Amino acid sequence: MSETIAMPLDLRGTPALTAQQLVLNKAKSLQQGKSFQLLSDHDPKDILQLLKGLGADFNGEYRESGPAMWRVQVSKRAVETSNCCSGGACCG
């Protein structure tokens, strides 16, 4: 489970290119295991597609789906660690 950053990124009324840049900057600076909410006045599916382009570490989960507002939880997955003494090559 990821920890949410308290202040949501409110994109309502923000031009599309500016909104995309704001989300990409915030996502790139996001620490692993953390998340933030983005608010939009339209479906941010185009922005979520851009995040997928950054790699499999990012996930967007709709929390509210319009019609007046969309709220999406954007998370950066935590790195999984192994307790195995052989660095993950356990034989059982």
C-alpha atoms as a PDB file:
ATOM      1  CA  MET A   1       0.000   0.000   0.000  1.00  0.00           C
ATOM      2  CA  SER A   2       1.326   3.414  -0.874  1.00  0.00           C
ATOM      3  CA  GLU A   3       1.312   6.513   1.280  1.00  0.00           C
ATOM      4  CA  THR A   4      -0.581   9.468  -0.144  1.00  0.00           C
ATOM      5  CA  ILE A   5       0.991  12.901  -0.385  1.00  0.00           C
ATOM      6  CA  ALA A   6      -1.468  15.217   1.406  1.00  0.00           C
ATOM      7  CA  MET A   7      -1.844  18.007  -1.186  1.00  0.00           C
ATOM      8  CA  PRO A   8      -3.669  16.824  -4.343  1.00  0.00           C
ATOM      9  CA  LEU A   9      -2.550  18.047  -7.750  1.00  0.00           C
ATOM     10  CA  ASP A  10      -5.547  20.072  -8.943  1.00  0.00           C
ATOM     11  CA  LEU A  11      -5.572  20.320 -12.734  1.00  0.00           C
ATOM     12  CA  ARG A  12      -9.074  21.746 -13.096  1.00  0.00           C
ATOM     13  CA  GLY A  13      -8.942  24.674 -15.505  1.00  0.00           C
ATOM     14  CA  THR A  14      -5.290  23.989 -16.427  1.00  0.00           C
ATOM     15  CA  PRO A  15      -4.431  23.835 -20.160  1.00  0.00           C
ATOM     16  CA  ALA A  16      -3.751  20.274 -21.388  1.00  0.00           C
ATOM     17  CA  LEU A  17      -0.022  20.653 -22.132  1.00  0.00           C
ATOM     18  CA  THR A  18       0.607  22.384 -18.806  1.00  0.00           C
ATOM     19  CA  ALA A  19      -1.368  19.695 -16.960  1.00  0.00           C
ATOM     20  CA  GLN A  20       0.639  16.926 -18.631  1.00  0.00           C
ATOM     21  CA  GLN A  21       3.932  18.564 -17.682  1.00  0.00           C
ATOM     22  CA  LEU A  22       2.812  19.107 -14.071  1.00  0.00           C
ATOM     23  CA  VAL A  23       1.819  15.448 -13.693  1.00  0.00           C
ATOM     24  CA  LEU A  24       4.998  14.139 -15.315  1.00  0.00           C
ATOM     25  CA  ASN A  25       7.181  16.324 -13.101  1.00  0.00           C
ATOM     26  CA  LYS A  26       5.329  15.255  -9.964  1.00  0.00           C
ATOM     27  CA  ALA A  27       5.414  11.573 -10.953  1.00  0.00           C
ATOM     28  CA  LYS A  28       9.137  11.633 -11.760  1.00  0.00           C
ATOM     29  CA  SER A  29       9.918  13.177  -8.364  1.00  0.00           C
ATOM     30  CA  LEU A  30       7.658  10.736  -6.502  1.00  0.00           C
ATOM     31  CA  GLN A  31       9.463   8.391  -4.141  1.00  0.00           C
ATOM     32  CA  GLN A  32       8.821   4.660  -4.390  1.00  0.00           C
ATOM     33  CA  GLY A  33       5.848   3.529  -2.330  1.00  0.00           C
ATOM     34  CA  LYS A  34       4.295   7.022  -2.384  1.00  0.00           C
ATOM     35  CA  SER A  35       1.286   8.378  -4.223  1.00  0.00           C
ATOM     36  CA  PHE A  36      -0.657  11.534  -4.901  1.00  0.00           C
ATOM     37  CA  GLN A  37      -4.178  12.348  -6.033  1.00  0.00           C
ATOM     38  CA  LEU A  38      -4.811  14.269  -9.179  1.00  0.00           C
ATOM     39  CA  LEU A  39      -8.039  16.191  -9.692  1.00  0.00           C
ATOM     40  CA  SER A  40      -9.355  16.999 -13.151  1.00  0.00           C
ATOM     41  CA  ASP A  41     -12.476  18.451 -14.746  1.00  0.00           C
ATOM     42  CA  HIS A  42     -12.286  15.813 -17.508  1.00  0.00           C
ATOM     43  CA  ASP A  43     -11.183  12.187 -17.768  1.00  0.00           C
ATOM     44  CA  PRO A  44      -7.349  12.258 -17.420  1.00  0.00           C
ATOM     45  CA  LYS A  45      -6.876   9.039 -19.432  1.00  0.00           C
ATOM     46  CA  ASP A  46      -4.377  10.778 -21.756  1.00  0.00           C
ATOM     47  CA  ILE A  47      -2.228  11.763 -18.767  1.00  0.00           C
ATOM     48  CA  LEU A  48      -2.410   8.233 -17.333  1.00  0.00           C
ATOM     49  CA  GLN A  49      -1.246   6.896 -20.700  1.00  0.00           C
ATOM     50  CA  LEU A  50       1.799   9.197 -20.484  1.00  0.00           C
ATOM     51  CA  LEU A  51       2.599   7.781 -17.036  1.00  0.00           C
ATOM     52  CA  LYS A  52       2.568   4.256 -18.454  1.00  0.00           C
ATOM     53  CA  GLY A  53       5.267   5.459 -20.831  1.00  0.00           C
ATOM     54  CA  LEU A  54       7.495   6.161 -17.818  1.00  0.00           C
ATOM     55  CA  GLY A  55       7.514   2.463 -16.959  1.00  0.00           C
ATOM     56  CA  ALA A  56       5.676  -0.194 -15.023  1.00  0.00           C
ATOM     57  CA  ASP A  57       6.405   1.509 -11.704  1.00  0.00           C
ATOM     58  CA  PHE A  58       3.378   3.813 -12.017  1.00  0.00           C
ATOM     59  CA  ASN A  59      -0.269   3.015 -11.453  1.00  0.00           C
ATOM     60  CA  GLY A  60      -3.356   5.207 -11.781  1.00  0.00           C
ATOM     61  CA  GLU A  61      -6.528   4.192  -9.951  1.00  0.00           C
ATOM     62  CA  TYR A  62      -9.780   6.083 -10.459  1.00  0.00           C
ATOM     63  CA  ARG A  63     -11.370   7.146  -7.157  1.00  0.00           C
ATOM     64  CA  GLU A  64     -14.062   9.357  -8.720  1.00  0.00           C
ATOM     65  CA  SER A  65     -15.186   9.290 -12.358  1.00  0.00           C
ATOM     66  CA  GLY A  66     -16.998  12.504 -13.281  1.00  0.00           C
ATOM     67  CA  PRO A  67     -18.996  14.007 -14.685  1.00  0.00           C
ATOM     68  CA  ALA A  68     -18.032  17.133 -12.708  1.00  0.00           C
ATOM     69  CA  MET A  69     -14.697  15.909 -11.364  1.00  0.00           C
ATOM     70  CA  TRP A  70     -12.298  13.002 -11.794  1.00  0.00           C
ATOM     71  CA  ARG A  71     -10.049  11.974  -8.908  1.00  0.00           C
ATOM     72  CA  VAL A  72      -7.200   9.561  -9.644  1.00  0.00           C
ATOM     73  CA  GLN A  73      -4.722   8.058  -7.181  1.00  0.00           C
ATOM     74  CA  VAL A  74      -1.305   7.960  -8.882  1.00  0.00           C
ATOM     75  CA  SER A  75       1.155   5.612  -7.193  1.00  0.00           C
ATOM     76  CA  LYS A  76       4.748   4.624  -7.663  1.00  0.00           C
ATOM     77  CA  ARG A  77       5.293   1.021  -6.674  1.00  0.00           C
ATOM     78  CA  ALA A  78       7.712   0.195  -3.904  1.00  0.00           C
ATOM     79  CA  VAL A  79      10.744  -1.906  -4.717  1.00  0.00           C
ATOM     80  CA  GLU A  80      10.265  -5.456  -3.536  1.00  0.00           C
ATOM     81  CA  THR A  81      13.072  -6.764  -1.399  1.00  0.00           C
ATOM     82  CA  SER A  82      13.972 -10.326  -0.596  1.00  0.00           C
ATOM     83  CA  ASN A  83      14.988 -11.681   2.776  1.00  0.00           C
ATOM     84  CA  CYS A  84      16.786 -14.509   1.035  1.00  0.00           C
ATOM     85  CA  CYS A  85      20.477 -14.698   1.879  1.00  0.00           C
ATOM     86  CA  SER A  86      21.365 -15.623  -1.711  1.00  0.00           C
ATOM     87  CA  GLY A  87      20.006 -12.413  -3.212  1.00  0.00           C
ATOM     88  CA  GLY A  88      16.756 -13.935  -4.400  1.00  0.00           C
ATOM     89  CA  ALA A  89      18.091 -17.196  -5.808  1.00  0.00           C
ATOM     90  CA  CYS A  90      16.600 -19.385  -3.075  1.00  0.00           C
ATOM     91  CA  CYS A  91      16.338 -23.071  -3.775  1.00  0.00           C
ATOM     92  CA  GLY A  92      13.537 -23.706  -1.362  1.00  0.00           C
END
